[in-house]
C-alpha atoms as a PDB file:
ATOM      1  CA  MET A   1     -14.256 -10.124 -18.437  1.00  0.00           C
ATOM      2  CA  PHE A   2     -12.430  -9.613 -15.717  1.00  0.00           C
ATOM      3  CA  PRO A   3     -13.160  -8.749 -11.673  1.00  0.00           C
ATOM      4  CA  PRO A   4     -14.219  -5.474 -11.010  1.00  0.00           C
ATOM      5  CA  PHE A   5     -11.488  -2.458 -10.466  1.00  0.00           C
ATOM      6  CA  SER A   6      -8.575  -4.969 -10.422  1.00  0.00           C
ATOM      7  CA  THR A   7      -7.082  -4.007 -13.951  1.00  0.00           C
ATOM      8  CA  TYR A   8      -4.524  -0.519 -14.538  1.00  0.00           C
ATOM      9  CA  TYR A   9      -2.233  -2.189 -15.965  1.00  0.00           C
ATOM     10  CA  HIS A  10      -3.926  -4.100 -18.857  1.00  0.00           C
ATOM     11  CA  SER A  11      -4.510  -0.892 -20.921  1.00  0.00           C
ATOM     12  CA  PHE A  12      -0.884  -0.373 -21.404  1.00  0.00           C
ATOM     13  CA  PHE A  13      -1.011  -3.111 -23.584  1.00  0.00           C
ATOM     14  CA  SER A  14      -2.373  -3.340 -27.565  1.00  0.00           C
ATOM     15  CA  GLY A  15      -2.002  -5.937 -29.502  1.00  0.00           C
ATOM     16  CA  SER A  16      -0.706  -9.489 -29.343  1.00  0.00           C
ATOM     17  CA  LEU A  17       0.609  -8.075 -26.385  1.00  0.00           C
ATOM     18  CA  LYS A  18      -2.549  -7.564 -24.343  1.00  0.00           C
ATOM     19  CA  ALA A  19      -3.629 -11.005 -25.675  1.00  0.00           C
ATOM     20  CA  ALA A  20      -0.486 -12.599 -23.749  1.00  0.00           C
ATOM     21  CA  TYR A  21      -1.649 -10.496 -20.758  1.00  0.00           C
ATOM     22  CA  GLU A  22      -5.547 -12.396 -20.755  1.00  0.00           C
ATOM     23  CA  GLN A  23      -3.610 -15.761 -21.958  1.00  0.00           C
ATOM     24  CA  ILE A  24      -1.234 -15.377 -19.053  1.00  0.00           C
ATOM     25  CA  TYR A  25      -4.174 -14.154 -16.386  1.00  0.00           C
ATOM     26  CA  TYR A  26      -6.280 -17.659 -17.622  1.00  0.00           C
ATOM     27  CA  GLY A  27      -3.973 -19.430 -17.580  1.00  0.00           C
ATOM     28  CA  VAL A  28      -2.459 -18.471 -13.962  1.00  0.00           C
ATOM     29  CA  GLN A  29      -5.748 -18.475 -12.854  1.00  0.00           C
ATOM     30  CA  LYS A  30      -6.341 -22.588 -13.410  1.00  0.00           C
ATOM     31  CA  GLN A  31      -2.492 -23.047 -12.520  1.00  0.00           C
ATOM     32  CA  GLU A  32      -1.780 -23.764 -16.006  1.00  0.00           C
ATOM     33  CA  LYS A  33       2.380 -24.645 -16.227  1.00  0.00           C
ATOM     34  CA  SER A  34       2.350 -23.825 -19.702  1.00  0.00           C
ATOM     35  CA  ILE A  35       1.022 -21.410 -21.805  1.00  0.00           C
ATOM     36  CA  PHE A  36       0.630 -21.003 -25.293  1.00  0.00           C
ATOM     37  CA  LEU A  37       1.577 -16.789 -26.127  1.00  0.00           C
ATOM     38  CA  LYS A  38       0.869 -16.280 -30.236  1.00  0.00           C
ATOM     39  CA  ASP A  39       3.318 -13.561 -31.868  1.00  0.00           C
ATOM     40  CA  ILE A  40       5.328 -13.145 -28.705  1.00  0.00           C
ATOM     41  CA  TYR A  41       8.805 -13.840 -29.298  1.00  0.00           C
ATOM     42  CA  TYR A  42      11.430 -12.657 -26.326  1.00  0.00           C
ATOM     43  CA  SER A  43      11.624 -12.508 -22.947  1.00  0.00           C
ATOM     44  CA  GLU A  44      12.100  -8.722 -22.204  1.00  0.00           C
ATOM     45  CA  GLN A  45       7.413  -9.394 -23.673  1.00  0.00           C
ATOM     46  CA  VAL A  46       6.587 -12.260 -21.448  1.00  0.00           C
ATOM     47  CA  GLN A  47       8.763 -10.416 -18.672  1.00  0.00           C
ATOM     48  CA  SER A  48       6.758  -6.744 -18.644  1.00  0.00           C
ATOM     49  CA  VAL A  49       3.360  -8.592 -18.265  1.00  0.00           C
ATOM     50  CA  LEU A  50       3.829 -11.061 -16.140  1.00  0.00           C
ATOM     51  CA  TRP A  51       4.605  -7.902 -13.943  1.00  0.00           C
ATOM     52  CA  ALA A  52       1.615  -6.796 -15.233  1.00  0.00           C
ATOM     53  CA  VAL A  53      -0.986  -9.424 -14.741  1.00  0.00           C
ATOM     54  CA  TYR A  54       1.173  -9.780 -10.441  1.00  0.00           C
ATOM     55  CA  ASN A  55       0.388  -6.584  -9.993  1.00  0.00           C
ATOM     56  CA  ASP A  56      -3.131  -6.081 -11.535  1.00  0.00           C
ATOM     57  CA  PHE A  57      -4.034  -9.598  -9.081  1.00  0.00           C
ATOM     58  CA  PRO A  58      -2.454  -9.206  -6.396  1.00  0.00           C
ATOM     59  CA  ASN A  59      -4.874 -12.594  -5.303  1.00  0.00           C
ATOM     60  CA  PHE A  60      -2.027 -14.376  -7.942  1.00  0.00           C
ATOM     61  CA  PHE A  61       0.189 -14.875  -4.803  1.00  0.00           C
ATOM     62  CA  TYR A  62       1.697 -17.953  -5.409  1.00  0.00           C
ATOM     63  CA  LEU A  63       3.131 -16.500  -9.086  1.00  0.00           C
ATOM     64  CA  ASP A  64       6.300 -15.984  -8.831  1.00  0.00           C
ATOM     65  CA  PRO A  65       6.894 -13.691 -11.739  1.00  0.00           C
ATOM     66  CA  SER A  66      10.510 -12.855 -11.843  1.00  0.00           C
ATOM     67  CA  ALA A  67      11.248 -16.609 -12.502  1.00  0.00           C
ATOM     68  CA  PHE A  68       9.687 -18.682 -16.226  1.00  0.00           C
ATOM     69  CA  THR A  69      11.480 -20.030 -19.567  1.00  0.00           C
ATOM     70  CA  ILE A  70      10.474 -19.429 -22.931  1.00  0.00           C
ATOM     71  CA  TYR A  71      10.761 -21.779 -25.542  1.00  0.00           C
ATOM     72  CA  PRO A  72       9.725 -21.160 -29.634  1.00  0.00           C
ATOM     73  CA  SER A  73       6.550 -22.781 -30.555  1.00  0.00           C
ATOM     74  CA  LYS A  74       5.612 -23.640 -34.343  1.00  0.00           C
ATOM     75  CA  ASN A  75       3.006 -22.189 -34.149  1.00  0.00           C
ATOM     76  CA  CYS A  76       4.187 -18.330 -35.005  1.00  0.00           C
ATOM     77  CA  GLY A  77       4.818 -17.822 -30.761  1.00  0.00           C
ATOM     78  CA  VAL A  78       6.229 -18.712 -28.023  1.00  0.00           C
ATOM     79  CA  ILE A  79       5.864 -21.595 -25.063  1.00  0.00           C
ATOM     80  CA  CYS A  80       6.081 -19.876 -21.184  1.00  0.00           C
ATOM     81  CA  GLU A  81       6.527 -22.049 -18.451  1.00  0.00           C
ATOM     82  CA  LEU A  82       5.251 -20.820 -15.387  1.00  0.00           C
ATOM     83  CA  ASN A  83       7.173 -20.733 -11.561  1.00  0.00           C
ATOM     84  CA  TYR A  84       5.142 -21.462  -9.245  1.00  0.00           C
ATOM     85  CA  LEU A  85       5.562 -21.067  -5.662  1.00  0.00           C
ATOM     86  CA  TYR A  86       3.504 -23.380  -3.570  1.00  0.00           C
ATOM     87  CA  SER A  87       2.002 -26.611  -4.184  1.00  0.00           C
ATOM     88  CA  GLU A  88      -1.741 -27.778  -5.684  1.00  0.00           C
ATOM     89  CA  GLU A  89      -2.649 -28.564  -1.961  1.00  0.00           C
ATOM     90  CA  LYS A  90      -0.869 -25.168  -0.498  1.00  0.00           C
ATOM     91  CA  ILE A  91      -2.175 -22.994  -2.845  1.00  0.00           C
ATOM     92  CA  LYS A  92      -5.755 -24.210  -1.923  1.00  0.00           C
ATOM     93  CA  LYS A  93      -5.048 -23.669   1.946  1.00  0.00           C
ATOM     94  CA  TYR A  94      -3.629 -20.308   1.211  1.00  0.00           C
ATOM     95  CA  ASN A  95      -6.892 -18.816  -0.399  1.00  0.00           C
ATOM     96  CA  GLU A  96      -8.693 -21.010   1.778  1.00  0.00           C
ATOM     97  CA  MET A  97      -7.247 -18.718   4.313  1.00  0.00           C
ATOM     98  CA  LEU A  98      -7.492 -15.783   2.341  1.00  0.00           C
ATOM     99  CA  LYS A  99     -11.594 -16.142   1.546  1.00  0.00           C
ATOM    100  CA  ASN A 100     -11.501 -16.675   5.882  1.00  0.00           C
ATOM    101  CA  GLY A 101      -9.583 -13.914   6.131  1.00  0.00           C
ATOM    102  CA  LEU A 102     -11.860 -11.650   4.206  1.00  0.00           C
ATOM    103  CA  LYS A 103     -14.571 -12.594   6.089  1.00  0.00           C
ATOM    104  CA  ASN A 104     -13.299 -11.662   9.107  1.00  0.00           C
ATOM    105  CA  PHE A 105     -12.095  -8.352   8.080  1.00  0.00           C
ATOM    106  CA  GLN A 106     -15.435  -7.457   6.662  1.00  0.00           C
ATOM    107  CA  LEU A 107     -16.995  -8.395  10.058  1.00  0.00           C
ATOM    108  CA  LYS A 108     -13.881  -7.555  12.978  1.00  0.00           C
ATOM    109  CA  VAL A 109     -12.757  -3.934  10.698  1.00  0.00           C
ATOM    110  CA  MET A 110     -15.006  -2.933   7.843  1.00  0.00           C
ATOM    111  CA  GLY A 111     -18.155  -3.742   8.975  1.00  0.00           C
ATOM    112  CA  ASP A 112     -20.742  -1.493   6.851  1.00  0.00           C
ATOM    113  CA  GLU A 113     -18.993   1.008   6.140  1.00  0.00           C
ATOM    114  CA  LYS A 114     -20.086   2.371   2.882  1.00  0.00           C
ATOM    115  CA  ASP A 115     -17.540   5.681   1.711  1.00  0.00           C
ATOM    116  CA  ASP A 116     -14.760   4.902   0.175  1.00  0.00           C
ATOM    117  CA  PHE A 117     -12.008   7.058   2.173  1.00  0.00           C
ATOM    118  CA  LYS A 118     -13.613   6.033   5.383  1.00  0.00           C
ATOM    119  CA  LYS A 119     -12.476   1.895   3.962  1.00  0.00           C
ATOM    120  CA  ILE A 120      -9.636   3.408   2.915  1.00  0.00           C
ATOM    121  CA  LEU A 121      -8.603   5.347   5.804  1.00  0.00           C
ATOM    122  CA  LYS A 122      -9.475   1.334   7.194  1.00  0.00           C
ATOM    123  CA  ILE A 123      -7.432  -0.654   5.409  1.00  0.00           C
ATOM    124  CA  HIS A 124      -4.500   1.841   5.535  1.00  0.00           C
ATOM    125  CA  ASP A 125      -4.726   2.142   9.274  1.00  0.00           C
ATOM    126  CA  TYR A 126      -5.211  -2.256   9.872  1.00  0.00           C
ATOM    127  CA  LEU A 127      -1.526  -2.350   7.593  1.00  0.00           C
ATOM    128  CA  VAL A 128       0.123  -0.125   9.253  1.00  0.00           C
ATOM    129  CA  LYS A 129      -0.839  -0.934  13.288  1.00  0.00           C
ATOM    130  CA  LYS A 130      -0.240  -4.963  12.328  1.00  0.00           C
ATOM    131  CA  VAL A 131       2.516  -5.352   9.981  1.00  0.00           C
ATOM    132  CA  SER A 132       5.492  -4.707  10.444  1.00  0.00           C
ATOM    133  CA  TYR A 133       9.380  -4.058   7.854  1.00  0.00           C
ATOM    134  CA  ASP A 134      10.904  -6.924   6.950  1.00  0.00           C
ATOM    135  CA  ASN A 135      14.674  -5.104   7.109  1.00  0.00           C
ATOM    136  CA  ASP A 136      16.475  -8.858   6.714  1.00  0.00           C
ATOM    137  CA  ALA A 137      14.249  -9.707   3.280  1.00  0.00           C
ATOM    138  CA  ASP A 138      14.936  -5.919   2.346  1.00  0.00           C
ATOM    139  CA  ILE A 139      18.704  -6.281   2.816  1.00  0.00           C
ATOM    140  CA  MET A 140      18.873  -9.897   1.785  1.00  0.00           C
ATOM    141  CA  LYS A 141      16.830  -9.312  -1.832  1.00  0.00           C
ATOM    142  CA  THR A 142      16.227 -12.910  -2.248  1.00  0.00           C
ATOM    143  CA  TYR A 143      13.232 -15.257  -3.143  1.00  0.00           C
ATOM    144  CA  ASP A 144      13.945 -17.551  -0.229  1.00  0.00           C
ATOM    145  CA  ASN A 145      11.464 -15.692   1.892  1.00  0.00           C
ATOM    146  CA  PRO A 146       9.029 -15.682  -1.250  1.00  0.00           C
ATOM    147  CA  GLU A 147       6.153 -14.292   1.583  1.00  0.00           C
ATOM    148  CA  ALA A 148       7.737 -10.709   1.797  1.00  0.00           C
ATOM    149  CA  TYR A 149       7.289 -10.147  -1.397  1.00  0.00           C
ATOM    150  CA  ASN A 150       3.278 -11.407  -1.427  1.00  0.00           C
ATOM    151  CA  ILE A 151       0.335 -10.338  -0.264  1.00  0.00           C
ATOM    152  CA  LEU A 152       0.404 -13.807   2.681  1.00  0.00           C
ATOM    153  CA  GLY A 153       3.900 -11.950   4.169  1.00  0.00           C
ATOM    154  CA  SER A 154       0.954  -8.974   5.383  1.00  0.00           C
ATOM    155  CA  LEU A 155      -1.652 -11.103   5.605  1.00  0.00           C
ATOM    156  CA  PHE A 156      -0.782 -14.052   7.555  1.00  0.00           C
ATOM    157  CA  LYS A 157       3.058 -13.491   9.182  1.00  0.00           C
ATOM    158  CA  LYS A 158       2.390 -10.086   9.439  1.00  0.00           C
ATOM    159  CA  LYS A 159       5.955  -8.749   8.750  1.00  0.00           C
ATOM    160  CA  ALA A 160       6.476  -7.649   4.504  1.00  0.00           C
ATOM    161  CA  VAL A 161       8.214  -5.388   2.305  1.00  0.00           C
ATOM    162  CA  CYS A 162       6.707  -2.409  -0.291  1.00  0.00           C
ATOM    163  CA  TRP A 163       5.908  -4.784  -2.700  1.00  0.00           C
ATOM    164  CA  SER A 164       3.839  -7.277  -0.275  1.00  0.00           C
ATOM    165  CA  ILE A 165       3.128  -4.376   1.325  1.00  0.00           C
ATOM    166  CA  SER A 166       0.891  -2.048  -1.476  1.00  0.00           C
ATOM    167  CA  LEU A 167      -0.046  -6.118  -3.300  1.00  0.00           C
ATOM    168  CA  ALA A 168      -2.325  -5.921   0.350  1.00  0.00           C
ATOM    169  CA  PHE A 169      -3.394  -3.195   0.149  1.00  0.00           C
ATOM    170  CA  LYS A 170      -4.897  -3.587  -3.402  1.00  0.00           C
ATOM    171  CA  PHE A 171      -6.004  -7.161  -2.369  1.00  0.00           C
ATOM    172  CA  LEU A 172      -8.328  -5.394   0.185  1.00  0.00           C
ATOM    173  CA  CYS A 173      -9.163  -2.652  -1.631  1.00  0.00           C
ATOM    174  CA  ASP A 174     -10.187  -5.001  -5.137  1.00  0.00           C
ATOM    175  CA  TYR A 175     -12.387  -7.214  -2.451  1.00  0.00           C
ATOM    176  CA  PHE A 176     -14.123  -4.087  -1.126  1.00  0.00           C
ATOM    177  CA  ARG A 177     -14.191  -2.338  -5.078  1.00  0.00           C
ATOM    178  CA  ILE A 178     -12.064   0.476  -4.605  1.00  0.00           C
ATOM    179  CA  LYS A 179      -9.923   1.399  -7.525  1.00  0.00           C
ATOM    180  CA  ALA A 180      -6.372   0.929  -6.174  1.00  0.00           C
ATOM    181  CA  LEU A 181      -3.317   0.212  -8.159  1.00  0.00           C
ATOM    182  CA  VAL A 182       0.408  -0.543  -7.621  1.00  0.00           C
ATOM    183  CA  VAL A 183       2.786   2.075  -8.225  1.00  0.00           C
ATOM    184  CA  VAL A 184       6.320   1.144  -9.440  1.00  0.00           C
ATOM    185  CA  GLY A 185       8.761   3.791  -9.022  1.00  0.00           C
ATOM    186  CA  SER A 186      11.496   4.825  -5.973  1.00  0.00           C
ATOM    187  CA  SER A 187      12.302   6.350  -3.059  1.00  0.00           C
ATOM    188  CA  SER A 188      15.006   8.246  -1.876  1.00  0.00           C
ATOM    189  CA  LYS A 189      14.428   6.450   1.673  1.00  0.00           C
ATOM    190  CA  GLU A 190      15.558   3.800   0.194  1.00  0.00           C
ATOM    191  CA  TRP A 191      18.652   2.117   0.947  1.00  0.00           C
ATOM    192  CA  ASN A 192      19.571   0.998  -2.767  1.00  0.00           C
ATOM    193  CA  GLU A 193      17.063   3.712  -4.222  1.00  0.00           C
ATOM    194  CA  ASP A 194      16.406   1.304  -6.740  1.00  0.00           C
ATOM    195  CA  ASN A 195      13.200   0.296  -6.745  1.00  0.00           C
ATOM    196  CA  HIS A 196      10.150   0.734  -4.606  1.00  0.00           C
ATOM    197  CA  ALA A 197       6.042   0.409  -4.822  1.00  0.00           C
ATOM    198  CA  TRP A 198       3.081   2.045  -3.066  1.00  0.00           C
ATOM    199  CA  ASN A 199      -0.225   3.156  -4.087  1.00  0.00           C
ATOM    200  CA  ILE A 200      -2.473   4.957  -6.338  1.00  0.00           C
ATOM    201  CA  VAL A 201      -6.313   5.166  -4.789  1.00  0.00           C
ATOM    202  CA  GLN A 202      -8.966   6.855  -6.562  1.00  0.00           C
ATOM    203  CA  ILE A 203     -12.528   8.384  -4.549  1.00  0.00           C
ATOM    204  CA  ASP A 204     -15.010  10.776  -6.254  1.00  0.00           C
ATOM    205  CA  ASN A 205     -13.329  10.210  -8.930  1.00  0.00           C
ATOM    206  CA  LEU A 206     -10.038  12.180  -7.430  1.00  0.00           C
ATOM    207  CA  ASN A 207      -6.522   9.953  -7.373  1.00  0.00           C
ATOM    208  CA  TYR A 208      -4.027  10.247  -4.759  1.00  0.00           C
ATOM    209  CA  HIS A 209      -1.149   8.569  -3.157  1.00  0.00           C
ATOM    210  CA  ILE A 210      -0.984   6.283  -0.584  1.00  0.00           C
ATOM    211  CA  ASP A 211       2.152   4.688   0.911  1.00  0.00           C
ATOM    212  CA  VAL A 212       1.153   2.296   3.656  1.00  0.00           C
ATOM    213  CA  THR A 213       5.475   0.997   3.950  1.00  0.00           C
ATOM    214  CA  TRP A 214       5.888   4.651   4.591  1.00  0.00           C
ATOM    215  CA  ASP A 215       3.657   5.383   6.771  1.00  0.00           C
ATOM    216  CA  ILE A 216       4.776   1.923   8.604  1.00  0.00           C
ATOM    217  CA  LYS A 217       8.045   3.232   8.870  1.00  0.00           C
ATOM    218  CA  GLU A 218       7.794   6.385   9.903  1.00  0.00           C
ATOM    219  CA  LYS A 219       5.137   5.878  13.008  1.00  0.00           C
ATOM    220  CA  ASP A 220       8.382   5.704  15.599  1.00  0.00           C
ATOM    221  CA  ASN A 221       6.740   3.853  19.047  1.00  0.00           C
ATOM    222  CA  ILE A 222       2.992   4.546  17.822  1.00  0.00           C
ATOM    223  CA  ASP A 223       1.018   3.022  16.228  1.00  0.00           C
ATOM    224  CA  PHE A 224      -0.765   4.978  13.448  1.00  0.00           C
ATOM    225  CA  CYS A 225       0.741   7.213  11.029  1.00  0.00           C
ATOM    226  CA  TYR A 226      -0.493   9.625   8.593  1.00  0.00           C
ATOM    227  CA  GLU A 227       2.479  10.763   6.033  1.00  0.00           C
ATOM    228  CA  TYR A 228       1.898   9.425   2.820  1.00  0.00           C
ATOM    229  CA  PHE A 229      -2.228   9.209   3.069  1.00  0.00           C
ATOM    230  CA  ASN A 230      -3.526  10.622   0.526  1.00  0.00           C
ATOM    231  CA  LEU A 231      -0.503  13.016  -1.156  1.00  0.00           C
ATOM    232  CA  THR A 232      -0.573  14.575  -4.083  1.00  0.00           C
ATOM    233  CA  ASP A 233       1.927  14.812  -7.218  1.00  0.00           C
ATOM    234  CA  LYS A 234       3.775  17.017  -5.565  1.00  0.00           C
ATOM    235  CA  LEU A 235       4.166  16.219  -1.956  1.00  0.00           C
ATOM    236  CA  ILE A 236       5.490  12.839  -2.407  1.00  0.00           C
ATOM    237  CA  LYS A 237       7.569  13.734  -4.974  1.00  0.00           C
ATOM    238  CA  LEU A 238       9.787  15.263  -2.692  1.00  0.00           C
ATOM    239  CA  ASP A 239      11.120  11.765  -1.889  1.00  0.00           C
ATOM    240  CA  HIS A 240       9.681  10.104  -4.765  1.00  0.00           C
ATOM    241  CA  SER A 241       9.858   8.779  -8.007  1.00  0.00           C
ATOM    242  CA  TRP A 242       8.404   7.240 -10.420  1.00  0.00           C
ATOM    243  CA  SER A 243       7.289   7.504 -14.626  1.00  0.00           C
ATOM    244  CA  THR A 244       4.450  10.207 -13.965  1.00  0.00           C
ATOM    245  CA  TYR A 245       2.869   9.080 -17.804  1.00  0.00           C
ATOM    246  CA  SER A 246       2.565   6.215 -16.859  1.00  0.00           C
ATOM    247  CA  TYR A 247       0.123   6.881 -13.465  1.00  0.00           C
ATOM    248  CA  PRO A 248      -3.101   8.908 -13.014  1.00  0.00           C
ATOM    249  CA  ILE A 249      -2.009  12.703 -11.472  1.00  0.00           C
ATOM    250  CA  CYS A 250      -3.493  13.322  -8.983  1.00  0.00           C
ATOM    251  CA  ASN A 251      -3.507  17.154  -8.004  1.00  0.00           C
ATOM    252  CA  SER A 252      -6.263  17.424  -4.548  1.00  0.00           C
ATOM    253  CA  ASN A 253      -5.946  17.198  -1.401  1.00  0.00           C
ATOM    254  CA  ILE A 254      -9.935  17.397  -0.738  1.00  0.00           C
ATOM    255  CA  HIS A 255      -9.451  13.983   0.709  1.00  0.00           C
ATOM    256  CA  ASN A 256      -6.117  13.545   2.551  1.00  0.00           C
ATOM    257  CA  TYR A 257      -6.532  12.968   6.602  1.00  0.00           C
ATOM    258  CA  TYR A 258      -5.224  16.671   7.894  1.00  0.00           C
ATOM    259  CA  PHE A 259      -6.752  18.291   5.091  1.00  0.00           C
ATOM    260  CA  PHE A 260     -10.731  16.694   5.292  1.00  0.00           C
ATOM    261  CA  TYR A 261     -10.826  15.914   9.310  1.00  0.00           C
ATOM    262  CA  LYS A 262      -9.251  19.730   9.587  1.00  0.00           C
ATOM    263  CA  LEU A 263      -7.024  18.328  11.842  1.00  0.00           C
ATOM    264  CA  TYR A 264      -4.568  21.398  12.126  1.00  0.00           C
ATOM    265  CA  VAL A 265      -3.464  24.312  13.811  1.00  0.00           C
ATOM    266  CA  LYS A 266      -2.103  27.543  12.915  1.00  0.00           C
ATOM    267  CA  ASP A 267      -0.093  28.826  16.343  1.00  0.00           C
ATOM    268  CA  ILE A 268       1.124  27.176  19.804  1.00  0.00           C
ATOM    269  CA  SER A 269      -1.211  28.864  21.923  1.00  0.00           C
ATOM    270  CA  GLU A 270      -3.928  26.414  19.622  1.00  0.00           C
ATOM    271  CA  ILE A 271      -2.256  22.858  20.917  1.00  0.00           C
ATOM    272  CA  SER A 272      -3.811  22.687  23.833  1.00  0.00           C
ATOM    273  CA  TYR A 273      -6.987  23.419  24.009  1.00  0.00           C
ATOM    274  CA  PHE A 274      -7.304  21.069  19.985  1.00  0.00           C
ATOM    275  CA  ILE A 275      -5.770  18.461  22.670  1.00  0.00           C
ATOM    276  CA  GLU A 276      -8.391  18.868  24.715  1.00  0.00           C
ATOM    277  CA  GLN A 277     -11.287  18.953  22.510  1.00  0.00           C
ATOM    278  CA  GLN A 278      -9.728  15.585  20.708  1.00  0.00           C
ATOM    279  CA  ILE A 279      -9.923  14.002  24.634  1.00  0.00           C
ATOM    280  CA  LEU A 280     -13.413  15.438  25.027  1.00  0.00           C
ATOM    281  CA  LYS A 281     -14.287  13.218  21.685  1.00  0.00           C
ATOM    282  CA  ASN A 282     -12.710  10.186  23.118  1.00  0.00           C
ATOM    283  CA  LYS A 283      -9.772  10.616  21.096  1.00  0.00           C
ATOM    284  CA  ARG A 284      -7.126   8.022  22.478  1.00  0.00           C
ATOM    285  CA  GLU A 285      -5.184   8.780  19.450  1.00  0.00           C
ATOM    286  CA  ILE A 286      -4.560  12.179  17.822  1.00  0.00           C
ATOM    287  CA  ALA A 287      -3.007  13.543  15.216  1.00  0.00           C
ATOM    288  CA  PHE A 288      -2.338  17.310  14.408  1.00  0.00           C
ATOM    289  CA  LYS A 289      -0.516  19.199  11.759  1.00  0.00           C
ATOM    290  CA  TYR A 290       1.191  22.363  12.877  1.00  0.00           C
ATOM    291  CA  ALA A 291       0.731  24.396  10.104  1.00  0.00           C
ATOM    292  CA  ASN A 292       3.332  26.812  10.649  1.00  0.00           C
ATOM    293  CA  THR A 293       6.508  26.089   9.620  1.00  0.00           C
ATOM    294  CA  ASN A 294       8.316  29.445  11.971  1.00  0.00           C
ATOM    295  CA  ILE A 295       8.362  27.272  15.435  1.00  0.00           C
ATOM    296  CA  ASP A 296      10.561  25.225  17.248  1.00  0.00           C
ATOM    297  CA  LYS A 297      10.059  21.500  17.735  1.00  0.00           C
ATOM    298  CA  ASN A 298      11.041  22.359  22.052  1.00  0.00           C
ATOM    299  CA  ASP A 299       7.903  24.965  21.653  1.00  0.00           C
ATOM    300  CA  ILE A 300       5.810  22.464  20.662  1.00  0.00           C
ATOM    301  CA  GLU A 301       7.219  19.353  22.584  1.00  0.00           C
ATOM    302  CA  TYR A 302       6.774  21.989  25.848  1.00  0.00           C
ATOM    303  CA  GLU A 303       3.376  22.520  25.084  1.00  0.00           C
ATOM    304  CA  ILE A 304       2.266  18.700  24.874  1.00  0.00           C
ATOM    305  CA  HIS A 305       4.536  17.965  28.231  1.00  0.00           C
ATOM    306  CA  LYS A 306       2.645  20.942  29.592  1.00  0.00           C
ATOM    307  CA  THR A 307      -1.021  19.706  28.470  1.00  0.00           C
ATOM    308  CA  PHE A 308      -1.325  16.236  29.578  1.00  0.00           C
ATOM    309  CA  LYS A 309       0.880  17.011  32.700  1.00  0.00           C
ATOM    310  CA  ARG A 310      -2.296  19.188  33.532  1.00  0.00           C
ATOM    311  CA  LEU A 311      -4.731  16.894  32.399  1.00  0.00           C
ATOM    312  CA  HIS A 312      -3.215  13.559  34.366  1.00  0.00           C
ATOM    313  CA  TYR A 313      -3.098  11.879  31.475  1.00  0.00           C
ATOM    314  CA  SER A 314       0.412   9.237  29.926  1.00  0.00           C
ATOM    315  CA  TYR A 315       0.645   8.946  26.848  1.00  0.00           C
ATOM    316  CA  ILE A 316       3.290   8.557  23.672  1.00  0.00           C
ATOM    317  CA  TYR A 317       3.600  10.682  21.436  1.00  0.00           C
ATOM    318  CA  SER A 318       5.669  11.218  17.626  1.00  0.00           C
ATOM    319  CA  ILE A 319       6.795  14.833  15.514  1.00  0.00           C
ATOM    320  CA  ASN A 320       8.169  14.713  12.407  1.00  0.00           C
ATOM    321  CA  ALA A 321      10.363  17.038  12.023  1.00  0.00           C
ATOM    322  CA  LYS A 322       9.926  17.512   8.258  1.00  0.00           C
ATOM    323  CA  THR A 323       6.472  18.100   8.043  1.00  0.00           C
ATOM    324  CA  TYR A 324       5.158  18.928  12.090  1.00  0.00           C
ATOM    325  CA  ASN A 325       2.832  16.502  11.661  1.00  0.00           C
ATOM    326  CA  ILE A 326       2.607  15.223  15.007  1.00  0.00           C
ATOM    327  CA  TYR A 327       0.827  12.070  16.892  1.00  0.00           C
ATOM    328  CA  ILE A 328      -0.078  11.452  20.436  1.00  0.00           C
ATOM    329  CA  GLN A 329      -1.115   8.161  21.846  1.00  0.00           C
ATOM    330  CA  ILE A 330      -2.783   7.766  25.125  1.00  0.00           C
ATOM    331  CA  THR A 331      -1.387   5.304  27.629  1.00  0.00           C
ATOM    332  CA  ASN A 332      -3.921   5.326  29.956  1.00  0.00           C
END
């Protein structure tokens, strides 16, 4: 009934709420302004269904899921009037832009890649490199700039907040037939700690958390970051929280970026050799984990500086003092 790999929140509902989800889905798809919802009587019911549909279908960028009006109906239910952010002409224009954008993404970024892990990595890396976090929209918390909250902000304006970024990630995953969902929770790193959105993806029937937003924020002055790429529940719980009963369990490290590629060293003496080997592989972006917390960050920096001075390369770098993940970008 629905496009493949799209729905997750649909499964939360039963009875009249599931029917309302389906009615709203078909109504929004046709850009209907009024939809009859049978056996639905309260605004809270409509609100929960609208958010569910919106998070399952990021291509409904033109819907404002927070703005609607309901009126009692004579037919045992309510009439729901929806609010659309753009005119029919603009919706058509943006849909055409999205269609062309997906074709270009396929051609220039994804290529003929078949492996789901590598597809997800390419989507993640693209968003981390291209999108910046919209601090103004985050602070103001208004819908004067709706693109900061829907996929248009991430994919066209290249500036957005976490909701837009997680929706854009799912939008691209949907297109490339990867199972992904938007997680609604909170993060202790958010200034208000109220709401935060990220994603869960599935690879080989194993689930992982991906927070592209925080990789954008954590990347510092470099172009890449994998702090929040394919994490377990245990790891992301260090600074994220969510209703665990509502989402799939994530308990595997197999497709964690550092584990999958074996990008780690266990001793300070291994850093120089590791960097050299990466350069021999023509890597200009080098990421690895120091898998031993018994060290001073200054000692790692000294090894990096010493190595690049000997190799005569210019570079910038970033070290996460909590995770000991190290990022080096060669600049010459």
